[in-house]
Amino acid sequence: MVFTDEELKIRRERAARAVAMLEEKYPGAQCSLIYKKPHELMIAARLSAQCTDARVNIVTKELFQKYRTVGDFANASQADVERIIMPCGLYKTKAASIIGMCRKLMDDFGGELPDTLEKLTTLPGIGRKTANLLLGDVFGKPAYVCDTHCIRICGRLGLTTSKDPVKTESELREILAPEKSSDFCHRLVLFGREVCKAQKPRCSECILAEICAYNNTKKSV
């Protein structure tokens, strides 16, 4: 969607206020997936599809203890990886992706994660959401992780207009300060779990209520 200059100004001001308020509420912004090495975050993020981060963190304890390097995963038995990650669901597809992405890292990138969105999304099972997560958390670059929390909350706030992840990302790139983007997305996850829930948002307890288009619309009805 194309915004006028005035609309962009309003959205940027609202985004800056939302960023500041969530910074105060959640001073420590970090990914809830547990990892020590860059490739571990990549794999944990793949496992998190249609699975809770809490369950992924349980599963990756055994997985990362047994397979310690990109090369280990590239040479892993798919059946064994499937066995370990089965509690995460979609385990056959996810196991194939994990082994495939690590083989491509070994073959095309010297066993190291590339640092661009374009190259990261060439890895099997890695879409824009995970690629953005890696750019922000591993490389400290501007990142726009448009997961369900981000799409829902930014839509309610009136920052974005689409439920499509790619369109949401494009709109956020126009209004969010790049250096704030990655941490803002992490804070949206915490905020979405605690307050701005999908089914029953706790608007009466929301620190963003005064700038929220959804809340203000409710009050005017």
N, C-alpha and C. Protein backbone atom coordinates (compact mmCIF):
# COMPACT_ATOMS: atom_id res chain seq x y z
N MET A 1 0.86 -1.20 0.00
CA MET A 1 0.00 0.00 0.00
C MET A 1 0.89 1.25 0.00
N VAL A 2 0.50 2.23 -0.79
CA VAL A 2 1.26 3.47 -0.88
C VAL A 2 0.65 4.50 0.06
N PHE A 3 1.47 5.05 0.94
CA PHE A 3 1.00 6.05 1.88
C PHE A 3 1.40 7.44 1.44
N THR A 4 0.58 8.42 1.78
CA THR A 4 0.97 9.81 1.53
C THR A 4 2.06 10.21 2.52
N ASP A 5 2.68 11.32 2.27
CA ASP A 5 3.73 11.80 3.17
C ASP A 5 3.18 12.04 4.57
N GLU A 6 1.97 12.56 4.65
CA GLU A 6 1.37 12.82 5.95
C GLU A 6 1.06 11.51 6.69
N GLU A 7 0.55 10.52 5.96
CA GLU A 7 0.28 9.22 6.55
C GLU A 7 1.55 8.56 7.06
N LEU A 8 2.61 8.66 6.28
CA LEU A 8 3.89 8.09 6.71
C LEU A 8 4.40 8.78 7.96
N LYS A 9 4.24 10.10 8.02
CA LYS A 9 4.69 10.85 9.20
C LYS A 9 3.95 10.38 10.44
N ILE A 10 2.63 10.21 10.33
CA ILE A 10 1.83 9.76 11.47
C ILE A 10 2.25 8.35 11.90
N ARG A 11 2.44 7.48 10.94
CA ARG A 11 2.83 6.10 11.26
C ARG A 11 4.23 6.04 11.87
N ARG A 12 5.13 6.85 11.38
CA ARG A 12 6.49 6.87 11.95
C ARG A 12 6.48 7.39 13.39
N GLU A 13 5.67 8.40 13.64
CA GLU A 13 5.58 8.93 15.00
C GLU A 13 4.97 7.88 15.94
N ARG A 14 3.94 7.21 15.47
CA ARG A 14 3.29 6.17 16.28
C ARG A 14 4.25 5.00 16.51
N ALA A 15 5.00 4.63 15.49
CA ALA A 15 5.97 3.54 15.62
C ALA A 15 7.05 3.91 16.63
N ALA A 16 7.54 5.15 16.59
CA ALA A 16 8.58 5.58 17.52
C ALA A 16 8.07 5.54 18.96
N ARG A 17 6.83 5.91 19.17
CA ARG A 17 6.24 5.86 20.51
C ARG A 17 6.08 4.41 20.98
N ALA A 18 5.64 3.54 20.09
CA ALA A 18 5.50 2.13 20.43
C ALA A 18 6.85 1.52 20.79
N VAL A 19 7.86 1.85 20.02
CA VAL A 19 9.22 1.36 20.29
C VAL A 19 9.67 1.79 21.68
N ALA A 20 9.49 3.07 21.99
CA ALA A 20 9.94 3.61 23.28
C ALA A 20 9.17 2.97 24.45
N MET A 21 7.87 2.80 24.30
CA MET A 21 7.06 2.22 25.37
C MET A 21 7.44 0.75 25.62
N LEU A 22 7.66 0.01 24.56
CA LEU A 22 8.03 -1.39 24.74
C LEU A 22 9.46 -1.55 25.25
N GLU A 23 10.33 -0.61 24.90
CA GLU A 23 11.68 -0.63 25.47
C GLU A 23 11.64 -0.48 26.98
N GLU A 24 10.74 0.37 27.45
CA GLU A 24 10.61 0.58 28.89
C GLU A 24 10.02 -0.65 29.57
N LYS A 25 9.04 -1.27 28.92
CA LYS A 25 8.38 -2.43 29.51
C LYS A 25 9.27 -3.67 29.48
N TYR A 26 10.02 -3.84 28.39
CA TYR A 26 10.88 -5.02 28.24
C TYR A 26 12.31 -4.56 27.93
N PRO A 27 13.07 -4.16 28.96
CA PRO A 27 14.43 -3.65 28.72
C PRO A 27 15.33 -4.66 28.01
N GLY A 28 15.19 -5.93 28.35
CA GLY A 28 16.02 -6.94 27.72
C GLY A 28 15.28 -7.60 26.57
N ALA A 29 15.65 -7.24 25.37
CA ALA A 29 14.98 -7.82 24.19
C ALA A 29 15.89 -8.88 23.58
N GLN A 30 15.44 -10.12 23.63
CA GLN A 30 16.24 -11.17 23.04
C GLN A 30 15.36 -12.31 22.57
N CYS A 31 15.90 -13.08 21.67
CA CYS A 31 15.18 -14.22 21.13
C CYS A 31 14.97 -15.26 22.23
N SER A 32 13.81 -15.88 22.26
CA SER A 32 13.53 -16.87 23.29
C SER A 32 14.08 -18.25 22.93
N LEU A 33 14.60 -18.41 21.72
CA LEU A 33 15.24 -19.67 21.34
C LEU A 33 16.66 -19.69 21.92
N ILE A 34 17.04 -20.80 22.50
CA ILE A 34 18.35 -20.93 23.15
C ILE A 34 19.37 -21.47 22.15
N TYR A 35 20.48 -20.77 22.02
CA TYR A 35 21.53 -21.20 21.10
C TYR A 35 22.86 -20.60 21.52
N LYS A 36 23.94 -21.20 21.06
CA LYS A 36 25.28 -20.68 21.35
C LYS A 36 26.03 -20.32 20.07
N LYS A 37 25.67 -20.97 18.97
CA LYS A 37 26.36 -20.76 17.70
C LYS A 37 25.36 -20.30 16.66
N PRO A 38 25.80 -19.52 15.67
CA PRO A 38 24.87 -19.02 14.65
C PRO A 38 24.04 -20.10 13.97
N HIS A 39 24.67 -21.21 13.62
CA HIS A 39 23.90 -22.25 12.91
C HIS A 39 22.84 -22.88 13.83
N GLU A 40 23.08 -22.82 15.13
CA GLU A 40 22.09 -23.37 16.06
C GLU A 40 20.81 -22.53 16.06
N LEU A 41 20.95 -21.21 15.95
CA LEU A 41 19.76 -20.36 15.87
C LEU A 41 19.01 -20.65 14.57
N MET A 42 19.74 -20.84 13.49
CA MET A 42 19.12 -21.17 12.22
C MET A 42 18.28 -22.44 12.32
N ILE A 43 18.85 -23.46 12.95
CA ILE A 43 18.17 -24.74 13.08
C ILE A 43 17.00 -24.64 14.05
N ALA A 44 17.20 -23.97 15.18
CA ALA A 44 16.12 -23.81 16.16
C ALA A 44 14.95 -23.05 15.54
N ALA A 45 15.25 -22.05 14.73
CA ALA A 45 14.18 -21.28 14.08
C ALA A 45 13.40 -22.16 13.11
N ARG A 46 14.09 -23.03 12.42
CA ARG A 46 13.40 -23.95 11.51
C ARG A 46 12.49 -24.89 12.30
N LEU A 47 12.95 -25.35 13.43
CA LEU A 47 12.15 -26.25 14.26
C LEU A 47 10.94 -25.55 14.87
N SER A 48 11.01 -24.24 15.01
CA SER A 48 9.94 -23.51 15.69
C SER A 48 8.68 -23.35 14.84
N ALA A 49 8.74 -23.70 13.57
CA ALA A 49 7.56 -23.61 12.72
C ALA A 49 6.46 -24.52 13.28
N GLN A 50 5.31 -23.92 13.60
CA GLN A 50 4.17 -24.64 14.17
C GLN A 50 4.54 -25.41 15.43
N CYS A 51 5.44 -24.83 16.20
CA CYS A 51 5.88 -25.44 17.47
C CYS A 51 6.28 -24.32 18.41
N THR A 52 6.09 -24.51 19.71
CA THR A 52 6.45 -23.48 20.68
C THR A 52 7.96 -23.42 20.86
N ASP A 53 8.45 -22.23 21.18
CA ASP A 53 9.87 -22.07 21.45
C ASP A 53 10.29 -22.91 22.66
N ALA A 54 9.40 -23.03 23.64
CA ALA A 54 9.72 -23.81 24.84
C ALA A 54 10.01 -25.27 24.48
N ARG A 55 9.19 -25.83 23.60
CA ARG A 55 9.42 -27.23 23.20
C ARG A 55 10.70 -27.35 22.36
N VAL A 56 10.91 -26.38 21.49
CA VAL A 56 12.14 -26.40 20.68
C VAL A 56 13.37 -26.40 21.57
N ASN A 57 13.37 -25.58 22.61
CA ASN A 57 14.52 -25.50 23.51
C ASN A 57 14.78 -26.81 24.24
N ILE A 58 13.73 -27.56 24.49
CA ILE A 58 13.91 -28.89 25.11
C ILE A 58 14.56 -29.84 24.12
N VAL A 59 14.06 -29.83 22.89
CA VAL A 59 14.55 -30.75 21.86
C VAL A 59 15.98 -30.44 21.46
N THR A 60 16.32 -29.16 21.36
CA THR A 60 17.66 -28.81 20.89
C THR A 60 18.76 -29.11 21.90
N LYS A 61 18.40 -29.33 23.15
CA LYS A 61 19.42 -29.73 24.12
C LYS A 61 20.12 -31.00 23.66
N GLU A 62 19.35 -32.02 23.30
CA GLU A 62 19.93 -33.28 22.82
C GLU A 62 20.52 -33.09 21.42
N LEU A 63 19.80 -32.37 20.57
CA LEU A 63 20.23 -32.22 19.18
C LEU A 63 21.59 -31.53 19.08
N PHE A 64 21.76 -30.43 19.81
CA PHE A 64 23.01 -29.67 19.72
C PHE A 64 24.15 -30.33 20.49
N GLN A 65 23.82 -31.20 21.40
CA GLN A 65 24.86 -31.94 22.10
C GLN A 65 25.44 -33.03 21.20
N LYS A 66 24.57 -33.63 20.39
CA LYS A 66 25.03 -34.72 19.52
C LYS A 66 25.66 -34.19 18.24
N TYR A 67 25.07 -33.16 17.65
CA TYR A 67 25.57 -32.57 16.41
C TYR A 67 26.07 -31.16 16.72
N ARG A 68 27.37 -30.99 16.74
CA ARG A 68 27.94 -29.74 17.26
C ARG A 68 28.34 -28.73 16.19
N THR A 69 28.54 -29.17 14.98
CA THR A 69 29.00 -28.26 13.92
C THR A 69 28.10 -28.35 12.70
N VAL A 70 28.27 -27.40 11.79
CA VAL A 70 27.54 -27.45 10.53
C VAL A 70 27.88 -28.74 9.78
N GLY A 71 29.15 -29.11 9.82
CA GLY A 71 29.56 -30.34 9.16
C GLY A 71 28.91 -31.57 9.76
N ASP A 72 28.75 -31.57 11.08
CA ASP A 72 28.07 -32.71 11.74
C ASP A 72 26.65 -32.86 11.20
N PHE A 73 25.95 -31.75 11.08
CA PHE A 73 24.57 -31.80 10.57
C PHE A 73 24.53 -32.19 9.10
N ALA A 74 25.50 -31.69 8.34
CA ALA A 74 25.53 -32.00 6.91
C ALA A 74 25.70 -33.50 6.67
N ASN A 75 26.39 -34.16 7.59
CA ASN A 75 26.65 -35.59 7.45
C ASN A 75 25.76 -36.46 8.33
N ALA A 76 24.75 -35.85 8.93
CA ALA A 76 23.90 -36.57 9.88
C ALA A 76 22.98 -37.57 9.18
N SER A 77 22.58 -38.56 9.93
CA SER A 77 21.56 -39.50 9.48
C SER A 77 20.20 -38.82 9.61
N GLN A 78 19.45 -38.75 8.52
CA GLN A 78 18.15 -38.10 8.59
C GLN A 78 17.23 -38.82 9.57
N ALA A 79 17.32 -40.13 9.61
CA ALA A 79 16.46 -40.90 10.52
C ALA A 79 16.76 -40.55 11.97
N ASP A 80 18.04 -40.32 12.28
CA ASP A 80 18.39 -39.99 13.67
C ASP A 80 17.93 -38.58 14.01
N VAL A 81 18.11 -37.64 13.08
CA VAL A 81 17.62 -36.28 13.32
C VAL A 81 16.10 -36.29 13.49
N GLU A 82 15.42 -37.07 12.67
CA GLU A 82 13.97 -37.18 12.79
C GLU A 82 13.57 -37.69 14.18
N ARG A 83 14.30 -38.66 14.67
CA ARG A 83 14.00 -39.24 15.98
C ARG A 83 14.09 -38.19 17.07
N ILE A 84 15.13 -37.37 17.01
CA ILE A 84 15.36 -36.38 18.06
C ILE A 84 14.33 -35.25 18.01
N ILE A 85 14.01 -34.80 16.79
CA ILE A 85 13.16 -33.62 16.66
C ILE A 85 11.68 -33.96 16.53
N MET A 86 11.32 -35.22 16.63
CA MET A 86 9.92 -35.64 16.45
C MET A 86 8.93 -34.84 17.29
N PRO A 87 9.25 -34.50 18.56
CA PRO A 87 8.28 -33.73 19.37
C PRO A 87 7.93 -32.36 18.80
N CYS A 88 8.75 -31.85 17.87
CA CYS A 88 8.49 -30.53 17.29
C CYS A 88 7.46 -30.56 16.17
N GLY A 89 7.09 -31.76 15.73
CA GLY A 89 6.14 -31.88 14.65
C GLY A 89 6.78 -31.67 13.29
N LEU A 90 6.11 -32.14 12.24
CA LEU A 90 6.63 -32.01 10.87
C LEU A 90 8.09 -32.46 10.79
N TYR A 91 8.41 -33.50 11.54
CA TYR A 91 9.81 -33.85 11.77
C TYR A 91 10.52 -34.35 10.52
N LYS A 92 9.81 -34.99 9.59
CA LYS A 92 10.48 -35.47 8.38
C LYS A 92 10.90 -34.29 7.50
N THR A 93 9.98 -33.36 7.31
CA THR A 93 10.29 -32.18 6.50
C THR A 93 11.37 -31.33 7.15
N LYS A 94 11.26 -31.15 8.46
CA LYS A 94 12.23 -30.32 9.17
C LYS A 94 13.63 -30.97 9.17
N ALA A 95 13.69 -32.27 9.34
CA ALA A 95 14.98 -32.97 9.32
C ALA A 95 15.65 -32.82 7.97
N ALA A 96 14.86 -32.98 6.90
CA ALA A 96 15.41 -32.83 5.55
C ALA A 96 15.93 -31.41 5.33
N SER A 97 15.18 -30.42 5.82
CA SER A 97 15.60 -29.02 5.69
C SER A 97 16.90 -28.76 6.45
N ILE A 98 16.98 -29.25 7.67
CA ILE A 98 18.16 -29.01 8.51
C ILE A 98 19.41 -29.58 7.86
N ILE A 99 19.33 -30.81 7.40
CA ILE A 99 20.48 -31.43 6.75
C ILE A 99 20.80 -30.72 5.44
N GLY A 100 19.75 -30.39 4.69
CA GLY A 100 19.95 -29.71 3.41
C GLY A 100 20.57 -28.33 3.56
N MET A 101 20.11 -27.56 4.54
CA MET A 101 20.67 -26.22 4.72
C MET A 101 22.13 -26.27 5.15
N CYS A 102 22.46 -27.26 5.96
CA CYS A 102 23.85 -27.38 6.40
C CYS A 102 24.76 -27.87 5.28
N ARG A 103 24.25 -28.73 4.43
CA ARG A 103 25.03 -29.16 3.27
C ARG A 103 25.29 -27.99 2.33
N LYS A 104 24.28 -27.16 2.14
CA LYS A 104 24.47 -25.99 1.27
C LYS A 104 25.45 -25.00 1.89
N LEU A 105 25.38 -24.85 3.22
CA LEU A 105 26.36 -23.98 3.89
C LEU A 105 27.78 -24.49 3.65
N MET A 106 27.97 -25.79 3.74
CA MET A 106 29.29 -26.38 3.51
C MET A 106 29.73 -26.23 2.05
N ASP A 107 28.79 -26.47 1.15
CA ASP A 107 29.13 -26.46 -0.28
C ASP A 107 29.32 -25.06 -0.85
N ASP A 108 28.48 -24.12 -0.42
CA ASP A 108 28.46 -22.80 -1.06
C ASP A 108 29.01 -21.66 -0.22
N PHE A 109 29.08 -21.85 1.13
CA PHE A 109 29.45 -20.72 1.98
C PHE A 109 30.55 -21.06 2.99
N GLY A 110 31.30 -22.10 2.72
CA GLY A 110 32.43 -22.44 3.60
C GLY A 110 32.01 -22.80 5.01
N GLY A 111 30.78 -23.27 5.18
CA GLY A 111 30.32 -23.68 6.50
C GLY A 111 29.87 -22.53 7.39
N GLU A 112 29.84 -21.31 6.84
CA GLU A 112 29.45 -20.13 7.62
C GLU A 112 28.14 -19.56 7.10
N LEU A 113 27.34 -18.98 8.02
CA LEU A 113 26.11 -18.34 7.60
C LEU A 113 26.42 -17.10 6.77
N PRO A 114 25.79 -16.94 5.60
CA PRO A 114 25.95 -15.69 4.85
C PRO A 114 25.21 -14.56 5.56
N ASP A 115 25.57 -13.33 5.25
CA ASP A 115 25.02 -12.20 6.00
C ASP A 115 24.10 -11.31 5.18
N THR A 116 23.45 -11.89 4.16
CA THR A 116 22.47 -11.11 3.40
C THR A 116 21.17 -11.90 3.31
N LEU A 117 20.09 -11.17 3.19
CA LEU A 117 18.77 -11.79 3.08
C LEU A 117 18.69 -12.67 1.83
N GLU A 118 19.27 -12.17 0.75
CA GLU A 118 19.21 -12.89 -0.51
C GLU A 118 19.90 -14.24 -0.42
N LYS A 119 21.05 -14.29 0.20
CA LYS A 119 21.80 -15.55 0.31
C LYS A 119 21.19 -16.47 1.35
N LEU A 120 20.73 -15.93 2.45
CA LEU A 120 20.13 -16.77 3.50
C LEU A 120 18.90 -17.49 2.99
N THR A 121 18.11 -16.82 2.16
CA THR A 121 16.88 -17.44 1.68
C THR A 121 17.13 -18.45 0.57
N THR A 122 18.38 -18.67 0.19
CA THR A 122 18.68 -19.78 -0.73
C THR A 122 18.83 -21.09 0.02
N LEU A 123 18.90 -21.03 1.35
CA LEU A 123 19.06 -22.24 2.15
C LEU A 123 17.72 -22.96 2.27
N PRO A 124 17.70 -24.28 2.16
CA PRO A 124 16.45 -25.04 2.26
C PRO A 124 15.71 -24.76 3.58
N GLY A 125 14.44 -24.43 3.48
CA GLY A 125 13.63 -24.22 4.68
C GLY A 125 13.77 -22.86 5.32
N ILE A 126 14.56 -21.95 4.73
CA ILE A 126 14.76 -20.62 5.30
C ILE A 126 14.00 -19.59 4.48
N GLY A 127 12.98 -19.01 5.09
CA GLY A 127 12.23 -17.94 4.44
C GLY A 127 12.66 -16.58 4.96
N ARG A 128 11.93 -15.56 4.60
CA ARG A 128 12.31 -14.20 4.98
C ARG A 128 12.26 -13.99 6.49
N LYS A 129 11.28 -14.61 7.16
CA LYS A 129 11.16 -14.43 8.61
C LYS A 129 12.42 -14.91 9.32
N THR A 130 12.84 -16.13 9.03
CA THR A 130 14.04 -16.67 9.68
C THR A 130 15.28 -15.94 9.23
N ALA A 131 15.35 -15.58 7.96
CA ALA A 131 16.51 -14.85 7.46
C ALA A 131 16.65 -13.51 8.19
N ASN A 132 15.53 -12.82 8.41
CA ASN A 132 15.58 -11.56 9.15
C ASN A 132 16.02 -11.78 10.59
N LEU A 133 15.54 -12.86 11.20
CA LEU A 133 15.95 -13.18 12.57
C LEU A 133 17.46 -13.35 12.64
N LEU A 134 18.02 -14.07 11.69
CA LEU A 134 19.47 -14.30 11.67
C LEU A 134 20.23 -13.00 11.42
N LEU A 135 19.74 -12.18 10.52
CA LEU A 135 20.41 -10.91 10.24
C LEU A 135 20.47 -10.04 11.49
N GLY A 136 19.38 -10.01 12.25
CA GLY A 136 19.34 -9.18 13.44
C GLY A 136 20.14 -9.74 14.59
N ASP A 137 19.94 -11.02 14.91
CA ASP A 137 20.54 -11.60 16.10
C ASP A 137 21.99 -12.05 15.91
N VAL A 138 22.33 -12.50 14.73
CA VAL A 138 23.70 -12.98 14.48
C VAL A 138 24.60 -11.85 13.98
N PHE A 139 24.06 -11.04 13.07
CA PHE A 139 24.91 -10.04 12.41
C PHE A 139 24.64 -8.61 12.87
N GLY A 140 23.64 -8.41 13.73
CA GLY A 140 23.37 -7.07 14.24
C GLY A 140 22.90 -6.09 13.19
N LYS A 141 22.25 -6.61 12.14
CA LYS A 141 21.76 -5.75 11.07
C LYS A 141 20.28 -5.43 11.29
N PRO A 142 19.76 -4.40 10.62
CA PRO A 142 18.33 -4.14 10.70
C PRO A 142 17.55 -5.39 10.29
N ALA A 143 16.51 -5.71 11.03
CA ALA A 143 15.77 -6.95 10.77
C ALA A 143 14.30 -6.76 11.10
N TYR A 144 13.46 -7.37 10.29
CA TYR A 144 12.02 -7.21 10.42
C TYR A 144 11.41 -8.61 10.44
N VAL A 145 11.28 -9.17 11.64
CA VAL A 145 10.82 -10.54 11.79
C VAL A 145 9.28 -10.52 11.87
N CYS A 146 8.65 -10.74 10.75
CA CYS A 146 7.19 -10.62 10.68
C CYS A 146 6.52 -11.95 10.96
N ASP A 147 6.50 -12.30 12.24
CA ASP A 147 5.79 -13.50 12.67
C ASP A 147 4.34 -13.12 13.00
N THR A 148 3.59 -14.07 13.55
CA THR A 148 2.17 -13.81 13.81
C THR A 148 1.97 -12.68 14.83
N HIS A 149 2.85 -12.60 15.83
CA HIS A 149 2.73 -11.53 16.83
C HIS A 149 2.95 -10.17 16.18
N CYS A 150 4.00 -10.07 15.39
CA CYS A 150 4.32 -8.80 14.72
C CYS A 150 3.18 -8.36 13.81
N ILE A 151 2.69 -9.27 12.99
CA ILE A 151 1.63 -8.92 12.04
C ILE A 151 0.37 -8.50 12.77
N ARG A 152 -0.01 -9.25 13.81
CA ARG A 152 -1.23 -8.95 14.56
C ARG A 152 -1.14 -7.61 15.28
N ILE A 153 -0.06 -7.41 16.02
CA ILE A 153 0.05 -6.22 16.86
C ILE A 153 0.25 -4.96 16.02
N CYS A 154 1.09 -5.05 15.00
CA CYS A 154 1.32 -3.87 14.15
C CYS A 154 0.04 -3.49 13.40
N GLY A 155 -0.76 -4.49 13.05
CA GLY A 155 -2.04 -4.21 12.42
C GLY A 155 -2.99 -3.53 13.38
N ARG A 156 -3.05 -4.02 14.60
CA ARG A 156 -3.94 -3.41 15.60
C ARG A 156 -3.52 -1.99 15.94
N LEU A 157 -2.23 -1.77 16.01
CA LEU A 157 -1.74 -0.44 16.34
C LEU A 157 -2.01 0.56 15.22
N GLY A 158 -2.19 0.05 14.01
CA GLY A 158 -2.37 0.93 12.87
C GLY A 158 -1.05 1.29 12.20
N LEU A 159 -0.02 0.49 12.46
CA LEU A 159 1.27 0.72 11.82
C LEU A 159 1.31 0.10 10.43
N THR A 160 0.61 -1.01 10.26
CA THR A 160 0.60 -1.72 8.98
C THR A 160 -0.84 -2.04 8.58
N THR A 161 -1.02 -2.41 7.32
CA THR A 161 -2.36 -2.62 6.80
C THR A 161 -2.60 -4.04 6.28
N SER A 162 -1.57 -4.87 6.24
CA SER A 162 -1.69 -6.18 5.62
C SER A 162 -1.42 -7.31 6.60
N LYS A 163 -2.01 -8.47 6.33
CA LYS A 163 -1.70 -9.67 7.11
C LYS A 163 -0.68 -10.54 6.38
N ASP A 164 -0.24 -10.08 5.24
CA ASP A 164 0.79 -10.80 4.48
C ASP A 164 2.17 -10.44 5.03
N PRO A 165 2.99 -11.43 5.38
CA PRO A 165 4.30 -11.15 6.00
C PRO A 165 5.20 -10.26 5.15
N VAL A 166 5.24 -10.50 3.85
CA VAL A 166 6.13 -9.71 2.98
C VAL A 166 5.65 -8.26 2.90
N LYS A 167 4.35 -8.07 2.77
CA LYS A 167 3.81 -6.70 2.72
C LYS A 167 3.98 -5.99 4.06
N THR A 168 3.79 -6.73 5.15
CA THR A 168 4.00 -6.14 6.47
C THR A 168 5.44 -5.71 6.63
N GLU A 169 6.36 -6.56 6.22
CA GLU A 169 7.79 -6.22 6.29
C GLU A 169 8.08 -4.96 5.50
N SER A 170 7.53 -4.87 4.30
CA SER A 170 7.76 -3.70 3.45
C SER A 170 7.24 -2.42 4.10
N GLU A 171 6.08 -2.50 4.73
CA GLU A 171 5.51 -1.32 5.38
C GLU A 171 6.32 -0.92 6.62
N LEU A 172 6.79 -1.92 7.36
CA LEU A 172 7.59 -1.61 8.56
C LEU A 172 8.93 -0.98 8.18
N ARG A 173 9.49 -1.40 7.07
CA ARG A 173 10.76 -0.81 6.63
C ARG A 173 10.64 0.69 6.38
N GLU A 174 9.41 1.14 6.05
CA GLU A 174 9.20 2.55 5.77
C GLU A 174 9.05 3.40 7.03
N ILE A 175 8.70 2.76 8.16
CA ILE A 175 8.35 3.57 9.34
C ILE A 175 9.19 3.30 10.58
N LEU A 176 9.87 2.16 10.64
CA LEU A 176 10.67 1.83 11.81
C LEU A 176 12.11 2.31 11.65
N ALA A 177 12.68 2.87 12.71
CA ALA A 177 14.10 3.18 12.68
C ALA A 177 14.88 1.88 12.53
N PRO A 178 15.74 1.74 11.52
CA PRO A 178 16.42 0.47 11.26
C PRO A 178 17.15 -0.11 12.47
N GLU A 179 17.79 0.75 13.25
CA GLU A 179 18.56 0.28 14.40
C GLU A 179 17.66 -0.22 15.54
N LYS A 180 16.36 0.07 15.46
CA LYS A 180 15.42 -0.37 16.49
C LYS A 180 14.63 -1.60 16.06
N SER A 181 14.69 -1.94 14.80
CA SER A 181 13.76 -2.91 14.22
C SER A 181 13.86 -4.30 14.82
N SER A 182 15.05 -4.82 14.96
CA SER A 182 15.22 -6.20 15.43
C SER A 182 14.71 -6.37 16.86
N ASP A 183 15.13 -5.49 17.75
CA ASP A 183 14.69 -5.59 19.15
C ASP A 183 13.19 -5.33 19.28
N PHE A 184 12.66 -4.44 18.46
CA PHE A 184 11.22 -4.16 18.48
C PHE A 184 10.44 -5.44 18.18
N CYS A 185 10.89 -6.18 17.20
CA CYS A 185 10.20 -7.42 16.84
C CYS A 185 10.27 -8.45 17.97
N HIS A 186 11.41 -8.53 18.66
CA HIS A 186 11.50 -9.43 19.82
C HIS A 186 10.54 -9.00 20.92
N ARG A 187 10.44 -7.69 21.13
CA ARG A 187 9.54 -7.20 22.18
C ARG A 187 8.08 -7.45 21.82
N LEU A 188 7.76 -7.42 20.54
CA LEU A 188 6.39 -7.70 20.12
C LEU A 188 5.99 -9.13 20.47
N VAL A 189 6.93 -10.05 20.41
CA VAL A 189 6.64 -11.44 20.79
C VAL A 189 6.28 -11.51 22.26
N LEU A 190 7.09 -10.87 23.11
CA LEU A 190 6.82 -10.86 24.55
C LEU A 190 5.48 -10.19 24.85
N PHE A 191 5.24 -9.08 24.19
CA PHE A 191 4.01 -8.31 24.39
C PHE A 191 2.80 -9.10 23.89
N GLY A 192 2.95 -9.80 22.79
CA GLY A 192 1.86 -10.59 22.25
C GLY A 192 1.48 -11.76 23.13
N ARG A 193 2.47 -12.37 23.74
CA ARG A 193 2.20 -13.49 24.64
C ARG A 193 1.56 -13.03 25.94
N GLU A 194 1.94 -11.85 26.39
CA GLU A 194 1.50 -11.38 27.71
C GLU A 194 0.23 -10.54 27.66
N VAL A 195 0.11 -9.65 26.68
CA VAL A 195 -0.96 -8.66 26.69
C VAL A 195 -1.82 -8.70 25.42
N CYS A 196 -1.21 -8.46 24.28
CA CYS A 196 -1.96 -8.32 23.03
C CYS A 196 -2.15 -9.68 22.38
N LYS A 197 -2.95 -10.51 23.03
CA LYS A 197 -3.15 -11.88 22.60
C LYS A 197 -4.10 -11.95 21.40
N ALA A 198 -4.01 -13.05 20.68
CA ALA A 198 -4.79 -13.18 19.45
C ALA A 198 -6.29 -13.15 19.73
N GLN A 199 -6.74 -13.94 20.70
CA GLN A 199 -8.17 -14.09 20.95
C GLN A 199 -8.74 -13.05 21.91
N LYS A 200 -8.03 -12.81 23.01
CA LYS A 200 -8.54 -11.90 24.03
C LYS A 200 -7.48 -10.88 24.43
N PRO A 201 -7.28 -9.84 23.61
CA PRO A 201 -6.29 -8.82 23.97
C PRO A 201 -6.69 -8.12 25.26
N ARG A 202 -5.72 -7.90 26.13
CA ARG A 202 -5.99 -7.30 27.44
C ARG A 202 -5.83 -5.77 27.33
N CYS A 203 -6.76 -5.16 26.60
CA CYS A 203 -6.65 -3.73 26.29
C CYS A 203 -6.65 -2.85 27.54
N SER A 204 -7.37 -3.28 28.58
CA SER A 204 -7.45 -2.46 29.80
C SER A 204 -6.11 -2.39 30.53
N GLU A 205 -5.21 -3.32 30.23
CA GLU A 205 -3.90 -3.36 30.87
C GLU A 205 -2.77 -2.96 29.92
N CYS A 206 -3.13 -2.49 28.74
CA CYS A 206 -2.15 -2.27 27.67
C CYS A 206 -1.49 -0.90 27.75
N ILE A 207 -0.17 -0.88 27.77
CA ILE A 207 0.55 0.39 27.81
C ILE A 207 0.49 1.13 26.48
N LEU A 208 0.09 0.44 25.42
CA LEU A 208 0.02 1.06 24.10
C LEU A 208 -1.40 1.50 23.75
N ALA A 209 -2.34 1.35 24.68
CA ALA A 209 -3.74 1.61 24.40
C ALA A 209 -3.99 2.99 23.82
N GLU A 210 -3.29 3.99 24.33
CA GLU A 210 -3.55 5.36 23.88
C GLU A 210 -3.17 5.61 22.44
N ILE A 211 -2.25 4.81 21.89
CA ILE A 211 -1.84 5.01 20.50
C ILE A 211 -2.35 3.90 19.59
N CYS A 212 -3.22 3.04 20.11
CA CYS A 212 -3.66 1.85 19.38
C CYS A 212 -4.93 2.13 18.60
N ALA A 213 -4.88 1.96 17.30
CA ALA A 213 -6.05 2.19 16.46
C ALA A 213 -7.17 1.22 16.80
N TYR A 214 -6.84 -0.02 17.09
CA TYR A 214 -7.83 -1.04 17.44
C TYR A 214 -8.57 -0.65 18.72
N ASN A 215 -7.83 -0.24 19.74
CA ASN A 215 -8.45 0.15 21.01
C ASN A 215 -9.31 1.40 20.85
N ASN A 216 -8.82 2.37 20.11
CA ASN A 216 -9.57 3.60 19.92
C ASN A 216 -10.83 3.37 19.10
N THR A 217 -10.77 2.43 18.17
CA THR A 217 -11.97 2.09 17.40
C THR A 217 -13.02 1.45 18.28
N LYS A 218 -12.58 0.58 19.17
CA LYS A 218 -13.51 -0.08 20.11
C LYS A 218 -14.22 0.95 20.98
N LYS A 219 -13.47 1.96 21.43
CA LYS A 219 -14.04 2.96 22.35
C LYS A 219 -15.06 3.84 21.64
N SER A 220 -14.91 3.99 20.32
CA SER A 220 -15.79 4.90 19.60
C SER A 220 -17.08 4.24 19.12
N VAL A 221 -17.12 2.89 19.25
CA VAL A 221 -18.30 2.16 18.79
C VAL A 221 -19.44 2.30 19.82
